[in-house]
C-alpha atoms as a PDB file:
ATOM      1  CA  UNK A   1      75.540   7.293 -92.058  1.00  0.00           C
ATOM      2  CA  UNK A   2      76.010   4.739 -89.166  1.00  0.00           C
ATOM      3  CA  UNK A   3      79.796   4.937 -89.206  1.00  0.00           C
ATOM      4  CA  UNK A   4      79.743   8.937 -89.227  1.00  0.00           C
ATOM      5  CA  UNK A   5      77.542   8.826 -86.364  1.00  0.00           C
ATOM      6  CA  UNK A   6      79.738   5.989 -84.531  1.00  0.00           C
ATOM      7  CA  UNK A   7      82.933   8.608 -84.931  1.00  0.00           C
ATOM      8  CA  UNK A   8      81.060  11.448 -83.829  1.00  0.00           C
ATOM      9  CA  UNK A   9      80.201   9.577 -80.932  1.00  0.00           C
ATOM     10  CA  UNK A  10      83.662   7.922 -80.312  1.00  0.00           C
ATOM     11  CA  UNK A  11      85.306  11.948 -80.171  1.00  0.00           C
ATOM     12  CA  UNK A  12      82.403  13.198 -78.239  1.00  0.00           C
ATOM     13  CA  UNK A  13      82.485  10.426 -75.532  1.00  0.00           C
ATOM     14  CA  UNK A  14      86.320  11.292 -75.197  1.00  0.00           C
ATOM     15  CA  UNK A  15      85.647  15.172 -74.623  1.00  0.00           C
ATOM     16  CA  UNK A  16      85.750  14.725 -71.198  1.00  0.00           C
ATOM     17  CA  UNK A  17      88.635  12.536 -70.927  1.00  0.00           C
ATOM     18  CA  UNK A  18      90.269  15.588 -72.320  1.00  0.00           C
ATOM     19  CA  UNK A  19      88.634  18.288 -70.209  1.00  0.00           C
ATOM     20  CA  UNK A  20      89.870  16.864 -67.153  1.00  0.00           C
ATOM     21  CA  UNK A  21      93.737  16.245 -68.400  1.00  0.00           C
ATOM     22  CA  UNK A  22      93.479  20.292 -69.327  1.00  0.00           C
ATOM     23  CA  UNK A  23      91.977  20.910 -65.851  1.00  0.00           C
ATOM     24  CA  UNK A  24      95.262  18.745 -64.076  1.00  0.00           C
ATOM     25  CA  UNK A  25      97.393  20.901 -66.252  1.00  0.00           C
ATOM     26  CA  UNK A  26      96.078  24.155 -65.093  1.00  0.00           C
ATOM     27  CA  UNK A  27      95.983  22.608 -61.293  1.00  0.00           C
ATOM     28  CA  UNK A  28      99.831  22.724 -61.667  1.00  0.00           C
ATOM     29  CA  UNK A  29      99.595  26.830 -61.308  1.00  0.00           C
ATOM     30  CA  UNK A  30      98.279  26.112 -57.632  1.00  0.00           C
ATOM     31  CA  UNK A  31     101.569  23.936 -57.103  1.00  0.00           C
ATOM     32  CA  UNK A  32     103.644  26.910 -58.584  1.00  0.00           C
ATOM     33  CA  UNK A  33     101.886  29.404 -56.297  1.00  0.00           C
ATOM     34  CA  UNK A  34     102.330  27.381 -52.888  1.00  0.00           C
ATOM     35  CA  UNK A  35     105.835  26.483 -53.553  1.00  0.00           C
ATOM     36  CA  UNK A  36     106.547  30.085 -54.794  1.00  0.00           C
ATOM     37  CA  UNK A  37     104.946  31.322 -50.912  1.00  0.00           C
ATOM     38  CA  UNK A  38     106.744  28.944 -49.236  1.00  0.00           C
ATOM     39  CA  UNK A  39     110.162  29.910 -50.866  1.00  0.00           C
ATOM     40  CA  UNK A  40     109.402  33.567 -49.870  1.00  0.00           C
ATOM     41  CA  UNK A  41     108.495  33.377 -46.590  1.00  0.00           C
ATOM     42  CA  UNK A  42     111.330  32.285 -43.465  1.00  0.00           C
ATOM     43  CA  UNK A  43     109.230  29.833 -41.807  1.00  0.00           C
ATOM     44  CA  UNK A  44     109.915  29.163 -37.575  1.00  0.00           C
ATOM     45  CA  UNK A  45     111.806  26.264 -36.524  1.00  0.00           C
ATOM     46  CA  UNK A  46     108.652  24.200 -35.825  1.00  0.00           C
ATOM     47  CA  UNK A  47     107.760  24.798 -39.597  1.00  0.00           C
ATOM     48  CA  UNK A  48     110.798  23.396 -40.807  1.00  0.00           C
ATOM     49  CA  UNK A  49     110.399  20.337 -38.528  1.00  0.00           C
ATOM     50  CA  UNK A  50     106.745  20.141 -39.799  1.00  0.00           C
ATOM     51  CA  UNK A  51     107.933  19.751 -43.182  1.00  0.00           C
ATOM     52  CA  UNK A  52     110.813  17.695 -42.889  1.00  0.00           C
ATOM     53  CA  UNK A  53     108.491  15.254 -40.856  1.00  0.00           C
ATOM     54  CA  UNK A  54     105.581  15.426 -43.823  1.00  0.00           C
ATOM     55  CA  UNK A  55     108.112  14.762 -45.884  1.00  0.00           C
ATOM     56  CA  UNK A  56     109.420  11.407 -44.282  1.00  0.00           C
ATOM     57  CA  UNK A  57     106.253  10.039 -43.184  1.00  0.00           C
ATOM     58  CA  UNK A  58     105.006  10.354 -46.702  1.00  0.00           C
ATOM     59  CA  UNK A  59     107.718   8.388 -47.937  1.00  0.00           C
ATOM     60  CA  UNK A  60     107.546   5.553 -45.170  1.00  0.00           C
ATOM     61  CA  UNK A  61     104.057   5.002 -46.408  1.00  0.00           C
ATOM     62  CA  UNK A  62     104.413   5.440 -49.849  1.00  0.00           C
ATOM     63  CA  UNK A  63     106.752   2.562 -49.655  1.00  0.00           C
ATOM     64  CA  UNK A  64     104.182   0.734 -47.563  1.00  0.00           C
ATOM     65  CA  UNK A  65     101.927   0.744 -50.402  1.00  0.00           C
ATOM     66  CA  UNK A  66     104.806  -0.514 -52.462  1.00  0.00           C
ATOM     67  CA  UNK A  67     105.095  -3.734 -50.293  1.00  0.00           C
ATOM     68  CA  UNK A  68     101.114  -3.983 -50.537  1.00  0.00           C
ATOM     69  CA  UNK A  69     101.781  -4.166 -54.579  1.00  0.00           C
ATOM     70  CA  UNK A  70     104.127  -7.001 -54.284  1.00  0.00           C
ATOM     71  CA  UNK A  71     101.721  -8.857 -51.385  1.00  0.00           C
ATOM     72  CA  UNK A  72      99.439  -8.341 -54.092  1.00  0.00           C
ATOM     73  CA  UNK A  73     101.296  -9.630 -57.299  1.00  0.00           C
ATOM     74  CA  UNK A  74     102.429 -12.659 -54.433  1.00  0.00           C
ATOM     75  CA  UNK A  75      98.708 -13.399 -53.716  1.00  0.00           C
ATOM     76  CA  UNK A  76      97.455 -12.846 -57.692  1.00  0.00           C
ATOM     77  CA  UNK A  77      99.993 -15.765 -58.701  1.00  0.00           C
ATOM     78  CA  UNK A  78      98.615 -18.212 -55.848  1.00  0.00           C
ATOM     79  CA  UNK A  79      95.141 -17.802 -57.333  1.00  0.00           C
ATOM     80  CA  UNK A  80      95.820 -17.233 -60.525  1.00  0.00           C
ATOM     81  CA  UNK A  81      98.484 -18.993 -61.914  1.00  0.00           C
ATOM     82  CA  UNK A  82      99.602 -18.023 -65.055  1.00  0.00           C
ATOM     83  CA  UNK A  83      96.773 -15.815 -65.705  1.00  0.00           C
ATOM     84  CA  UNK A  84      98.696 -13.435 -63.140  1.00  0.00           C
ATOM     85  CA  UNK A  85     101.423 -12.475 -66.187  1.00  0.00           C
ATOM     86  CA  UNK A  86      99.035  -9.479 -66.866  1.00  0.00           C
ATOM     87  CA  UNK A  87      98.014  -8.814 -63.133  1.00  0.00           C
ATOM     88  CA  UNK A  88     101.080  -8.095 -61.545  1.00  0.00           C
ATOM     89  CA  UNK A  89     101.107  -4.133 -63.186  1.00  0.00           C
ATOM     90  CA  UNK A  90      97.592  -3.639 -62.108  1.00  0.00           C
ATOM     91  CA  UNK A  91      98.425  -4.899 -58.613  1.00  0.00           C
ATOM     92  CA  UNK A  92     101.451  -2.811 -57.989  1.00  0.00           C
ATOM     93  CA  UNK A  93      99.465  -0.039 -59.270  1.00  0.00           C
ATOM     94  CA  UNK A  94      96.702  -0.725 -56.825  1.00  0.00           C
ATOM     95  CA  UNK A  95      99.390  -0.568 -53.614  1.00  0.00           C
ATOM     96  CA  UNK A  96     101.361   2.622 -54.938  1.00  0.00           C
ATOM     97  CA  UNK A  97      98.433   4.483 -54.991  1.00  0.00           C
ATOM     98  CA  UNK A  98      96.869   3.275 -51.852  1.00  0.00           C
ATOM     99  CA  UNK A  99      99.977   3.964 -50.385  1.00  0.00           C
ATOM    100  CA  UNK A 100      99.832   7.404 -51.646  1.00  0.00           C
ATOM    101  CA  UNK A 101      95.954   8.048 -49.981  1.00  0.00           C
ATOM    102  CA  UNK A 102      96.972   6.662 -46.984  1.00  0.00           C
ATOM    103  CA  UNK A 103      99.966   8.699 -46.135  1.00  0.00           C
ATOM    104  CA  UNK A 104      98.058  11.974 -46.257  1.00  0.00           C
ATOM    105  CA  UNK A 105      95.276  10.540 -44.375  1.00  0.00           C
ATOM    106  CA  UNK A 106      97.364   9.781 -41.490  1.00  0.00           C
ATOM    107  CA  UNK A 107      99.911  12.673 -41.795  1.00  0.00           C
ATOM    108  CA  UNK A 108     100.807  13.368 -38.213  1.00  0.00           C
ATOM    109  CA  UNK A 109      99.402  17.036 -37.236  1.00  0.00           C
ATOM    110  CA  UNK A 110     102.142  19.498 -37.193  1.00  0.00           C
ATOM    111  CA  UNK A 111     103.348  20.576 -33.702  1.00  0.00           C
ATOM    112  CA  UNK A 112     103.671  24.299 -34.429  1.00  0.00           C
ATOM    113  CA  UNK A 113     101.542  26.525 -31.898  1.00  0.00           C
ATOM    114  CA  UNK A 114      98.205  26.595 -33.309  1.00  0.00           C
ATOM    115  CA  UNK A 115      95.120  29.826 -33.299  1.00  0.00           C
ATOM    116  CA  UNK A 116      92.184  31.324 -34.432  1.00  0.00           C
ATOM    117  CA  UNK A 117      91.848  32.279 -37.930  1.00  0.00           C
ATOM    118  CA  UNK A 118      89.965  35.108 -38.777  1.00  0.00           C
ATOM    119  CA  UNK A 119      88.924  33.161 -42.029  1.00  0.00           C
ATOM    120  CA  UNK A 120      89.205  29.362 -42.500  1.00  0.00           C
ATOM    121  CA  UNK A 121      90.653  28.442 -45.550  1.00  0.00           C
ATOM    122  CA  UNK A 122      88.073  27.420 -48.400  1.00  0.00           C
ATOM    123  CA  UNK A 123      88.026  24.316 -50.068  1.00  0.00           C
ATOM    124  CA  UNK A 124      88.123  26.403 -53.918  1.00  0.00           C
ATOM    125  CA  UNK A 125      91.387  27.932 -52.678  1.00  0.00           C
ATOM    126  CA  UNK A 126      93.073  24.552 -52.363  1.00  0.00           C
ATOM    127  CA  UNK A 127      91.653  22.859 -55.423  1.00  0.00           C
ATOM    128  CA  UNK A 128      89.491  23.474 -58.467  1.00  0.00           C
ATOM    129  CA  UNK A 129      85.995  22.356 -57.510  1.00  0.00           C
ATOM    130  CA  UNK A 130      85.712  20.517 -60.920  1.00  0.00           C
ATOM    131  CA  UNK A 131      88.559  18.260 -59.974  1.00  0.00           C
ATOM    132  CA  UNK A 132      87.824  17.598 -56.672  1.00  0.00           C
ATOM    133  CA  UNK A 133      83.719  16.731 -57.989  1.00  0.00           C
ATOM    134  CA  UNK A 134      85.029  14.665 -61.096  1.00  0.00           C
ATOM    135  CA  UNK A 135      86.708  12.569 -58.750  1.00  0.00           C
ATOM    136  CA  UNK A 136      83.946  11.825 -56.826  1.00  0.00           C
ATOM    137  CA  UNK A 137      81.249  11.493 -60.066  1.00  0.00           C
ATOM    138  CA  UNK A 138      84.224   8.811 -61.505  1.00  0.00           C
ATOM    139  CA  UNK A 139      84.473   6.522 -58.506  1.00  0.00           C
ATOM    140  CA  UNK A 140      80.477   6.556 -58.241  1.00  0.00           C
ATOM    141  CA  UNK A 141      80.677   5.599 -61.624  1.00  0.00           C
ATOM    142  CA  UNK A 142      83.002   2.508 -61.090  1.00  0.00           C
ATOM    143  CA  UNK A 143      81.325   1.053 -58.541  1.00  0.00           C
ATOM    144  CA  UNK A 144      78.237   1.324 -60.380  1.00  0.00           C
ATOM    145  CA  UNK A 145      79.650   0.209 -63.633  1.00  0.00           C
ATOM    146  CA  UNK A 146      81.673  -2.922 -61.249  1.00  0.00           C
ATOM    147  CA  UNK A 147      77.909  -3.625 -59.026  1.00  0.00           C
ATOM    148  CA  UNK A 148      75.796  -3.905 -62.244  1.00  0.00           C
ATOM    149  CA  UNK A 149      78.626  -6.110 -64.428  1.00  0.00           C
ATOM    150  CA  UNK A 150      78.969  -8.237 -61.522  1.00  0.00           C
ATOM    151  CA  UNK A 151      75.147  -8.649 -60.906  1.00  0.00           C
ATOM    152  CA  UNK A 152      74.789  -9.942 -64.534  1.00  0.00           C
ATOM    153  CA  UNK A 153      77.535 -12.187 -64.382  1.00  0.00           C
ATOM    154  CA  UNK A 154      80.050 -10.324 -66.282  1.00  0.00           C
ATOM    155  CA  UNK A 155      82.841 -10.328 -63.681  1.00  0.00           C
ATOM    156  CA  UNK A 156      84.369 -13.335 -62.101  1.00  0.00           C
ATOM    157  CA  UNK A 157      83.843 -13.153 -58.537  1.00  0.00           C
ATOM    158  CA  UNK A 158      87.398 -12.441 -57.016  1.00  0.00           C
ATOM    159  CA  UNK A 159      87.683  -9.377 -59.689  1.00  0.00           C
ATOM    160  CA  UNK A 160      83.885  -8.097 -58.774  1.00  0.00           C
ATOM    161  CA  UNK A 161      85.068  -7.776 -54.752  1.00  0.00           C
ATOM    162  CA  UNK A 162      88.239  -6.483 -55.953  1.00  0.00           C
ATOM    163  CA  UNK A 163      86.838  -3.799 -58.244  1.00  0.00           C
ATOM    164  CA  UNK A 164      84.262  -2.377 -55.479  1.00  0.00           C
ATOM    165  CA  UNK A 165      86.176  -3.394 -52.442  1.00  0.00           C
ATOM    166  CA  UNK A 166      89.580  -1.413 -53.435  1.00  0.00           C
ATOM    167  CA  UNK A 167      88.259   1.800 -54.988  1.00  0.00           C
ATOM    168  CA  UNK A 168      85.756   2.424 -52.203  1.00  0.00           C
ATOM    169  CA  UNK A 169      88.085   1.687 -49.382  1.00  0.00           C
ATOM    170  CA  UNK A 170      90.361   4.305 -51.250  1.00  0.00           C
ATOM    171  CA  UNK A 171      87.643   6.358 -51.353  1.00  0.00           C
ATOM    172  CA  UNK A 172      86.761   6.472 -47.545  1.00  0.00           C
ATOM    173  CA  UNK A 173      90.458   7.082 -46.977  1.00  0.00           C
ATOM    174  CA  UNK A 174      90.342  10.191 -49.485  1.00  0.00           C
ATOM    175  CA  UNK A 175      87.192  11.930 -47.628  1.00  0.00           C
ATOM    176  CA  UNK A 176      89.106  11.852 -44.421  1.00  0.00           C
ATOM    177  CA  UNK A 177      92.064  13.422 -45.663  1.00  0.00           C
ATOM    178  CA  UNK A 178      89.943  15.982 -47.287  1.00  0.00           C
ATOM    179  CA  UNK A 179      88.035  16.555 -44.221  1.00  0.00           C
ATOM    180  CA  UNK A 180      91.064  16.873 -42.135  1.00  0.00           C
ATOM    181  CA  UNK A 181      92.493  19.448 -44.794  1.00  0.00           C
ATOM    182  CA  UNK A 182      89.718  21.550 -43.839  1.00  0.00           C
ATOM    183  CA  UNK A 183      89.043  21.320 -39.960  1.00  0.00           C
ATOM    184  CA  UNK A 184      92.921  21.374 -38.912  1.00  0.00           C
ATOM    185  CA  UNK A 185      93.797  24.648 -36.686  1.00  0.00           C
ATOM    186  CA  UNK A 186      95.844  27.060 -38.793  1.00  0.00           C
ATOM    187  CA  UNK A 187      99.336  28.158 -37.063  1.00  0.00           C
ATOM    188  CA  UNK A 188      99.647  30.564 -34.559  1.00  0.00           C
ATOM    189  CA  UNK A 189     102.784  32.269 -36.457  1.00  0.00           C
ATOM    190  CA  UNK A 190     102.526  34.349 -39.729  1.00  0.00           C
ATOM    191  CA  UNK A 191     105.149  32.860 -40.961  1.00  0.00           C
ATOM    192  CA  UNK A 192     104.508  29.508 -41.008  1.00  0.00           C
ATOM    193  CA  UNK A 193     101.120  30.458 -42.627  1.00  0.00           C
ATOM    194  CA  UNK A 194     102.284  29.876 -46.115  1.00  0.00           C
ATOM    195  CA  UNK A 195     103.442  26.336 -45.151  1.00  0.00           C
ATOM    196  CA  UNK A 196     100.286  25.373 -43.665  1.00  0.00           C
ATOM    197  CA  UNK A 197      98.668  26.212 -47.367  1.00  0.00           C
ATOM    198  CA  UNK A 198     101.197  24.617 -49.206  1.00  0.00           C
ATOM    199  CA  UNK A 199     101.024  21.534 -47.098  1.00  0.00           C
ATOM    200  CA  UNK A 200      96.848  21.630 -47.411  1.00  0.00           C
ATOM    201  CA  UNK A 201      97.236  22.314 -50.956  1.00  0.00           C
ATOM    202  CA  UNK A 202      99.676  19.228 -51.740  1.00  0.00           C
ATOM    203  CA  UNK A 203      97.232  16.922 -49.669  1.00  0.00           C
ATOM    204  CA  UNK A 204      94.126  18.009 -51.463  1.00  0.00           C
ATOM    205  CA  UNK A 205      95.793  17.549 -54.913  1.00  0.00           C
ATOM    206  CA  UNK A 206      97.620  14.112 -53.794  1.00  0.00           C
ATOM    207  CA  UNK A 207      94.380  12.431 -52.339  1.00  0.00           C
ATOM    208  CA  UNK A 208      92.591  13.745 -55.152  1.00  0.00           C
ATOM    209  CA  UNK A 209      94.541  12.755 -58.257  1.00  0.00           C
ATOM    210  CA  UNK A 210      95.375   9.115 -56.444  1.00  0.00           C
ATOM    211  CA  UNK A 211      91.958   8.551 -56.345  1.00  0.00           C
ATOM    212  CA  UNK A 212      91.054   9.774 -59.557  1.00  0.00           C
ATOM    213  CA  UNK A 213      93.571   7.346 -61.561  1.00  0.00           C
ATOM    214  CA  UNK A 214      92.449   4.493 -58.998  1.00  0.00           C
ATOM    215  CA  UNK A 215      88.857   5.078 -60.437  1.00  0.00           C
ATOM    216  CA  UNK A 216      89.671   5.590 -64.263  1.00  0.00           C
ATOM    217  CA  UNK A 217      91.979   2.700 -64.947  1.00  0.00           C
ATOM    218  CA  UNK A 218      89.263   0.351 -63.860  1.00  0.00           C
ATOM    219  CA  UNK A 219      86.577   1.823 -64.882  1.00  0.00           C
ATOM    220  CA  UNK A 220      88.358   2.602 -68.519  1.00  0.00           C
ATOM    221  CA  UNK A 221      88.976  -1.478 -68.261  1.00  0.00           C
ATOM    222  CA  UNK A 222      85.544  -2.332 -67.243  1.00  0.00           C
ATOM    223  CA  UNK A 223      83.560  -0.468 -69.973  1.00  0.00           C
ATOM    224  CA  UNK A 224      86.005  -1.844 -72.416  1.00  0.00           C
ATOM    225  CA  UNK A 225      85.019  -4.979 -71.611  1.00  0.00           C
ATOM    226  CA  UNK A 226      81.304  -4.512 -71.906  1.00  0.00           C
ATOM    227  CA  UNK A 227      81.649  -2.814 -74.755  1.00  0.00           C
ATOM    228  CA  UNK A 228      83.495  -5.384 -76.546  1.00  0.00           C
ATOM    229  CA  UNK A 229      80.835  -8.258 -75.302  1.00  0.00           C
ATOM    230  CA  UNK A 230      77.622  -6.110 -75.907  1.00  0.00           C
ATOM    231  CA  UNK A 231      79.904  -5.520 -79.504  1.00  0.00           C
ATOM    232  CA  UNK A 232      79.675  -9.881 -80.339  1.00  0.00           C
ATOM    233  CA  UNK A 233      75.737  -9.902 -80.461  1.00  0.00           C
ATOM    234  CA  UNK A 234      73.759  -9.636 -83.105  1.00  0.00           C
ATOM    235  CA  UNK A 235      71.171  -7.015 -83.194  1.00  0.00           C
ATOM    236  CA  UNK A 236      68.873  -5.230 -86.078  1.00  0.00           C
ATOM    237  CA  UNK A 237      70.299  -2.238 -87.566  1.00  0.00           C
ATOM    238  CA  UNK A 238      72.928  -0.131 -85.970  1.00  0.00           C
ATOM    239  CA  UNK A 239      73.955  -0.282 -82.072  1.00  0.00           C
ATOM    240  CA  UNK A 240      75.793   2.592 -80.718  1.00  0.00           C
ATOM    241  CA  UNK A 241      76.103   1.112 -77.067  1.00  0.00           C
ATOM    242  CA  UNK A 242      79.126  -0.589 -78.198  1.00  0.00           C
ATOM    243  CA  UNK A 243      80.795   1.860 -79.820  1.00  0.00           C
ATOM    244  CA  UNK A 244      79.938   4.542 -76.413  1.00  0.00           C
ATOM    245  CA  UNK A 245      81.252   1.858 -73.825  1.00  0.00           C
ATOM    246  CA  UNK A 246      84.471   1.524 -75.686  1.00  0.00           C
ATOM    247  CA  UNK A 247      85.219   5.441 -76.472  1.00  0.00           C
ATOM    248  CA  UNK A 248      84.069   5.648 -72.846  1.00  0.00           C
ATOM    249  CA  UNK A 249      86.816   3.344 -71.941  1.00  0.00           C
ATOM    250  CA  UNK A 250      89.583   4.426 -74.418  1.00  0.00           C
ATOM    251  CA  UNK A 251      88.913   7.971 -72.679  1.00  0.00           C
ATOM    252  CA  UNK A 252      89.097   6.242 -68.680  1.00  0.00           C
ATOM    253  CA  UNK A 253      91.809   5.072 -69.800  1.00  0.00           C
ATOM    254  CA  UNK A 254      93.464   7.792 -71.347  1.00  0.00           C
ATOM    255  CA  UNK A 255      92.327  10.459 -68.661  1.00  0.00           C
ATOM    256  CA  UNK A 256      93.569   8.338 -66.206  1.00  0.00           C
ATOM    257  CA  UNK A 257      96.819   8.021 -67.169  1.00  0.00           C
ATOM    258  CA  UNK A 258      97.069  11.827 -67.869  1.00  0.00           C
ATOM    259  CA  UNK A 259      96.494  12.434 -64.004  1.00  0.00           C
ATOM    260  CA  UNK A 260      98.663   9.786 -62.810  1.00  0.00           C
ATOM    261  CA  UNK A 261     101.736  11.870 -65.315  1.00  0.00           C
ATOM    262  CA  UNK A 262     100.408  14.693 -62.873  1.00  0.00           C
ATOM    263  CA  UNK A 263     100.354  13.111 -59.733  1.00  0.00           C
ATOM    264  CA  UNK A 264     103.720  12.141 -60.123  1.00  0.00           C
ATOM    265  CA  UNK A 265     104.861  15.336 -59.837  1.00  0.00           C
ATOM    266  CA  UNK A 266     103.191  16.197 -56.899  1.00  0.00           C
ATOM    267  CA  UNK A 267     104.961  13.779 -54.513  1.00  0.00           C
ATOM    268  CA  UNK A 268     108.016  15.916 -54.638  1.00  0.00           C
ATOM    269  CA  UNK A 269     107.858  17.376 -51.087  1.00  0.00           C
ATOM    270  CA  UNK A 270     107.705  20.657 -50.501  1.00  0.00           C
ATOM    271  CA  UNK A 271     110.918  22.544 -49.468  1.00  0.00           C
ATOM    272  CA  UNK A 272     112.294  25.670 -47.699  1.00  0.00           C
ATOM    273  CA  UNK A 273     115.600  26.919 -49.229  1.00  0.00           C
ATOM    274  CA  UNK A 274     115.300  30.528 -48.966  1.00  0.00           C
ATOM    275  CA  UNK A 275     115.847  30.747 -52.470  1.00  0.00           C
ATOM    276  CA  UNK A 276     113.353  33.059 -53.617  1.00  0.00           C
ATOM    277  CA  UNK A 277     114.868  35.447 -50.474  1.00  0.00           C
ATOM    278  CA  UNK A 278     118.636  35.262 -51.361  1.00  0.00           C
ATOM    279  CA  UNK A 279     117.819  36.643 -54.984  1.00  0.00           C
END
């Protein structure tokens, strides 16, 4: 009976990760609509220049993130020696994801003439609110889990600092980028409106996806470590907590990898080639 309960609990904990992956698969529709709107419009010269500048800025800052990841690998080698053989992939991933969020938070303002919109763009028109709030909930859960494990001496100080400071700083950058998307003025020329909406959609999804991955993967690792540690203790009867923690860890890791796959597809810049108008 205990094994059956454990299996049911394991499956139940996996469900949120499956739902999150499904929601990101559906979010591809936002990208398709935004890209099609740009292709059906003829942007002004300022709009075309904005697309090029935004694409160049994103590539440059993401390269900076890659360099930060390489620096993180070097630092891990210096601090942990042979143990760093398992840390190069997390260090590189942290650098790349931080570069994605930093690129969106520091995007230059478009140079087109701005106007006053009759209605400001709504957040729900840019991204599913489920994806946005799931990112915030997962990030909060990762920070709380890291703090609790650190307080109980289940994390070394060096790991504890990284597990708290890096996600928290990325979360702050993400909220800055999301706020800029909302308060940025709209273009005065109607032909540039689809470009502006596509840029807002791209930024919102990139920031949400990168921050979600940066929260889900550490959260999954922490939950697995906690579950395995609790599983080694001797208790009276059947203890479901280790099973729930291990299942939650697997679900977080699987969801983080799934979101990372969708994130890669969003890194392609927006292009305006008049393909739809050419027939």
